[in-house]
Amino acid sequence: MKKLLTLGLLLALFTSCAPSEEELLTAGMAKMDTQSWAEAIDYFDRLLENHPTNSQALNAKGVALFQLKDYEKAIPVFNEAIATDSISYKPWFNRGNANLELGNFKEAVADYNMASRLDEKQTDIYYNRGLALLGMESYEDALFDFDAALQVNPNQALVYFNRGKAQLGNNDPVAALESLTNAVNLDAKNGAAYYLLGVTRMSALGQKEEGCADLKMALSLGFTEAKTWIDDFCS
């Protein structure tokens, strides 16, 4: 009888030493803070073994997989997070980001739309949805989102850069010139923006001297696609 009681006490001791759901979540989040993505996933998996409907752990695991560029693995995890908590914008937004990376632009837009409906204050959605719309060649809708993003913060070089791409797709080189100029003024190391600026000046506006200067700047920043234009038109 004493042996049975002792065994019971040992089992109780081992049980009490097991980390709780909250402790595993906290430990996983701490690993996320240090960008230790694989270690974070280990903690979340341990938590989810006993608590498979913990939406916070599911969403965080999906984010960790996203950071590891395992986009295809991240999407089913975000699906589970949505199934357990469909009113949080986060897994919708994060699944949209994974779909965007995979080139699933239509699905990404649908996810961003739902995220925006759930929390209209999340203005980061504008830029990401704009990128997905740009990928779909829906230039007018993309411009609407890029403009909304710039209203929140007008000092975003990448937003101006992609706004310029959308304007070029919309056959508006004059407006694109302004956007691309803003992009390089805000980020003087954006070789791709200098390249588009140079090509736009030369091909659409006939500004050869200025265009060549932009192309040479793009090449100096490592954007090698500019070399062909320089060799053909700037010798």
Protein backbone atom coordinates (compact mmCIF):
# COMPACT_ATOMS: atom_id res chain seq x y z
CA MET A 1 0.00 0.00 0.00
CA LYS A 2 2.85 2.36 0.81
CA LYS A 3 4.41 1.62 -2.60
CA LEU A 4 1.15 2.50 -4.33
CA LEU A 5 0.89 5.74 -2.39
CA THR A 6 4.49 6.62 -3.23
CA LEU A 7 3.87 5.95 -6.92
CA GLY A 8 0.84 8.20 -6.80
CA LEU A 9 2.86 10.98 -5.22
CA LEU A 10 5.55 10.66 -7.88
CA LEU A 11 2.97 10.83 -10.65
CA ALA A 12 1.44 13.92 -9.05
CA LEU A 13 4.91 15.47 -8.80
CA PHE A 14 5.67 14.82 -12.47
CA THR A 15 2.28 16.22 -13.46
CA SER A 16 2.81 19.35 -11.41
CA CYS A 17 6.21 19.89 -13.04
CA ALA A 18 4.78 19.82 -16.57
CA PRO A 19 4.57 23.33 -18.04
CA SER A 20 1.09 24.76 -18.27
CA GLU A 21 -0.66 25.94 -21.41
CA GLU A 22 0.13 29.54 -20.50
CA GLU A 23 3.78 28.77 -19.75
CA LEU A 24 4.27 27.04 -23.11
CA LEU A 25 2.62 29.94 -24.92
CA THR A 26 4.80 32.45 -23.07
CA ALA A 27 7.94 30.46 -23.84
CA GLY A 28 7.01 30.20 -27.50
CA MET A 29 6.34 33.92 -27.73
CA ALA A 30 9.70 34.63 -26.11
CA LYS A 31 11.38 32.57 -28.84
CA MET A 32 9.43 34.56 -31.43
CA ASP A 33 10.84 37.76 -29.93
CA THR A 34 14.38 36.46 -30.52
CA GLN A 35 13.47 35.20 -34.02
CA SER A 36 14.13 31.62 -32.96
CA TRP A 37 11.32 30.40 -35.19
CA ALA A 38 11.94 26.64 -35.09
CA GLU A 39 12.25 26.64 -31.29
CA ALA A 40 9.04 28.65 -31.02
CA ILE A 41 7.23 26.07 -33.15
CA ASP A 42 8.42 23.32 -30.79
CA TYR A 43 6.78 25.08 -27.85
CA PHE A 44 3.57 25.70 -29.77
CA ASP A 45 3.42 22.07 -30.90
CA ARG A 46 3.80 20.91 -27.30
CA LEU A 47 0.97 23.20 -26.28
CA LEU A 48 -1.27 22.15 -29.15
CA GLU A 49 -0.88 18.46 -28.36
CA ASN A 50 -3.16 18.94 -25.35
CA HIS A 51 -4.92 22.15 -26.38
CA PRO A 52 -5.48 21.89 -30.16
CA THR A 53 -7.96 24.79 -30.26
CA ASN A 54 -5.67 27.42 -28.77
CA SER A 55 -6.08 30.01 -31.52
CA GLN A 56 -3.27 32.22 -30.25
CA ALA A 57 -0.77 29.35 -30.44
CA LEU A 58 -2.06 28.33 -33.88
CA ASN A 59 -1.71 31.84 -35.25
CA ALA A 60 1.75 32.25 -33.73
CA LYS A 61 2.88 28.90 -35.13
CA GLY A 62 1.66 29.99 -38.56
CA VAL A 63 3.64 33.23 -38.25
CA ALA A 64 6.78 31.27 -37.30
CA LEU A 65 6.34 29.02 -40.34
CA PHE A 66 5.85 32.14 -42.47
CA GLN A 67 9.10 33.60 -41.15
CA LEU A 68 10.82 30.34 -42.14
CA LYS A 69 9.32 30.84 -45.62
CA ASP A 70 7.27 27.65 -45.25
CA TYR A 71 4.25 29.41 -46.72
CA GLU A 72 2.47 26.27 -47.87
CA LYS A 73 2.76 24.78 -44.37
CA ALA A 74 1.66 28.04 -42.76
CA ILE A 75 -1.67 28.28 -44.60
CA PRO A 76 -3.27 25.13 -43.07
CA VAL A 77 -2.21 26.35 -39.62
CA PHE A 78 -3.86 29.72 -40.24
CA ASN A 79 -6.93 27.79 -41.45
CA GLU A 80 -7.09 26.09 -38.06
CA ALA A 81 -6.61 29.40 -36.25
CA ILE A 82 -9.50 30.89 -38.23
CA ALA A 83 -11.68 27.87 -37.47
CA THR A 84 -11.10 28.31 -33.73
CA ASP A 85 -11.43 32.12 -33.70
CA SER A 86 -13.00 33.51 -36.84
CA ILE A 87 -13.55 37.00 -35.42
CA SER A 88 -9.86 37.84 -34.96
CA TYR A 89 -8.41 39.70 -37.93
CA LYS A 90 -4.91 38.35 -37.32
CA PRO A 91 -5.08 34.86 -38.88
CA TRP A 92 -6.99 36.26 -41.86
CA PHE A 93 -4.33 38.93 -42.39
CA ASN A 94 -1.50 36.44 -41.90
CA ARG A 95 -3.04 33.91 -44.27
CA GLY A 96 -3.36 36.74 -46.78
CA ASN A 97 0.37 37.39 -46.45
CA ALA A 98 1.16 33.72 -47.04
CA ASN A 99 -1.11 33.65 -50.10
CA LEU A 100 0.56 36.82 -51.36
CA GLU A 101 4.00 35.22 -51.11
CA LEU A 102 2.74 32.18 -53.03
CA GLY A 103 1.25 34.33 -55.77
CA ASN A 104 -2.32 33.39 -54.80
CA PHE A 105 -3.40 36.98 -55.34
CA LYS A 106 -7.17 36.44 -55.51
CA GLU A 107 -7.14 34.44 -52.26
CA ALA A 108 -4.90 37.05 -50.64
CA VAL A 109 -7.32 39.87 -51.52
CA ALA A 110 -10.23 37.87 -50.06
CA ASP A 111 -8.29 37.34 -46.82
CA TYR A 112 -7.33 41.01 -46.58
CA ASN A 113 -10.93 42.04 -47.21
CA MET A 114 -12.11 39.88 -44.32
CA ALA A 115 -9.33 41.14 -42.05
CA SER A 116 -10.32 44.72 -42.86
CA ARG A 117 -13.98 44.02 -42.10
CA LEU A 118 -13.06 42.54 -38.74
CA ASP A 119 -10.82 45.47 -37.78
CA GLU A 120 -10.93 48.51 -40.03
CA LYS A 121 -8.24 50.23 -37.94
CA GLN A 122 -5.56 47.86 -39.25
CA THR A 123 -4.10 50.14 -41.90
CA ASP A 124 -1.23 47.76 -42.75
CA ILE A 125 -3.81 45.87 -44.76
CA TYR A 126 -3.92 48.64 -47.39
CA TYR A 127 -0.38 48.20 -48.68
CA ASN A 128 -0.44 44.40 -48.67
CA ARG A 129 -3.81 44.26 -50.41
CA GLY A 130 -2.49 46.80 -52.90
CA LEU A 131 0.38 44.43 -53.71
CA ALA A 132 -2.04 41.55 -54.28
CA LEU A 133 -4.22 43.74 -56.52
CA LEU A 134 -1.11 44.83 -58.41
CA GLY A 135 -0.30 41.16 -58.94
CA MET A 136 -3.80 40.70 -60.38
CA GLU A 137 -3.22 43.72 -62.67
CA SER A 138 -6.17 45.46 -61.00
CA TYR A 139 -4.34 48.76 -61.19
CA GLU A 140 -7.15 51.14 -60.24
CA ASP A 141 -8.00 49.17 -57.09
CA ALA A 142 -4.30 48.85 -56.23
CA LEU A 143 -3.89 52.63 -56.52
CA PHE A 144 -6.83 53.14 -54.18
CA ASP A 145 -5.11 51.03 -51.52
CA PHE A 146 -1.68 52.59 -52.03
CA ASP A 147 -3.23 56.05 -51.69
CA ALA A 148 -4.95 54.95 -48.48
CA ALA A 149 -1.62 53.68 -47.13
CA LEU A 150 0.05 57.01 -47.95
CA GLN A 151 -2.69 58.91 -46.15
CA VAL A 152 -1.74 57.00 -43.01
CA ASN A 153 2.00 57.60 -43.52
CA PRO A 154 3.20 59.67 -46.51
CA ASN A 155 6.85 58.73 -46.01
CA GLN A 156 6.79 55.17 -47.34
CA ALA A 157 9.23 54.64 -50.18
CA LEU A 158 7.99 51.16 -51.10
CA VAL A 159 4.40 52.35 -51.31
CA TYR A 160 5.42 55.09 -53.75
CA PHE A 161 7.48 52.57 -55.73
CA ASN A 162 4.59 50.14 -56.14
CA ARG A 163 2.19 53.02 -56.72
CA GLY A 164 4.43 54.01 -59.62
CA LYS A 165 4.29 50.45 -60.99
CA ALA A 166 0.49 50.52 -60.80
CA GLN A 167 0.40 53.88 -62.58
CA LEU A 168 2.63 52.52 -65.34
CA GLY A 169 0.30 49.54 -65.67
CA ASN A 170 -2.54 52.06 -65.89
CA ASN A 171 -0.74 53.88 -68.76
CA ASP A 172 -0.09 57.01 -66.72
CA PRO A 173 3.68 57.65 -67.03
CA VAL A 174 3.48 61.26 -65.83
CA ALA A 175 1.92 60.24 -62.52
CA ALA A 176 4.33 57.28 -62.31
CA LEU A 177 7.26 59.66 -62.71
CA GLU A 178 6.12 61.60 -59.66
CA SER A 179 5.62 58.45 -57.56
CA LEU A 180 8.99 56.97 -58.54
CA THR A 181 10.73 60.27 -57.85
CA ASN A 182 9.19 60.27 -54.38
CA ALA A 183 10.37 56.67 -53.94
CA VAL A 184 14.03 57.46 -54.66
CA ASN A 185 13.91 60.67 -52.64
CA LEU A 186 12.79 58.62 -49.63
CA ASP A 187 15.12 55.68 -50.35
CA ALA A 188 18.19 56.57 -52.38
CA LYS A 189 19.30 52.90 -52.45
CA ASN A 190 16.27 51.54 -54.34
CA GLY A 191 17.91 50.45 -57.58
CA ALA A 192 14.68 49.06 -58.99
CA ALA A 193 12.96 52.43 -58.55
CA TYR A 194 15.83 54.23 -60.34
CA TYR A 195 15.57 51.67 -63.14
CA LEU A 196 11.84 52.21 -63.64
CA LEU A 197 12.37 55.94 -63.38
CA GLY A 198 15.02 55.85 -66.10
CA VAL A 199 13.01 53.62 -68.41
CA THR A 200 9.92 55.79 -67.95
CA ARG A 201 11.82 59.00 -68.67
CA MET A 202 13.34 57.57 -71.86
CA SER A 203 10.56 55.44 -73.33
CA ALA A 204 7.48 57.45 -72.37
CA LEU A 205 8.72 61.02 -71.98
CA GLY A 206 11.75 61.20 -74.28
CA GLN A 207 14.03 62.45 -71.48
CA LYS A 208 17.19 60.64 -72.58
CA GLU A 209 19.79 62.50 -70.51
CA GLU A 210 17.83 62.27 -67.25
CA GLY A 211 16.84 58.69 -68.01
CA CYS A 212 20.43 57.61 -68.58
CA ALA A 213 21.46 59.21 -65.31
CA ASP A 214 18.78 57.23 -63.49
CA LEU A 215 19.75 53.98 -65.23
CA LYS A 216 23.41 54.48 -64.33
CA MET A 217 22.40 55.08 -60.73
CA ALA A 218 20.34 51.87 -60.80
CA LEU A 219 23.35 49.94 -62.13
CA SER A 220 25.63 51.41 -59.47
CA LEU A 221 23.16 50.14 -56.86
CA GLY A 222 23.40 46.61 -58.23
CA PHE A 223 20.31 46.55 -60.46
CA THR A 224 22.01 44.80 -63.38
CA GLU A 225 18.97 44.89 -65.70
CA ALA A 226 19.84 48.54 -66.30
CA LYS A 227 23.03 47.61 -68.19
CA THR A 228 21.22 46.59 -71.38
CA TRP A 229 19.44 49.94 -71.58
CA ILE A 230 22.67 51.81 -70.87
CA ASP A 231 24.59 49.88 -73.54
CA ASP A 232 21.84 50.37 -76.13
CA PHE A 233 20.81 53.96 -75.47
CA CYS A 234 23.35 55.75 -73.29
CA SER A 235 26.66 55.21 -75.09
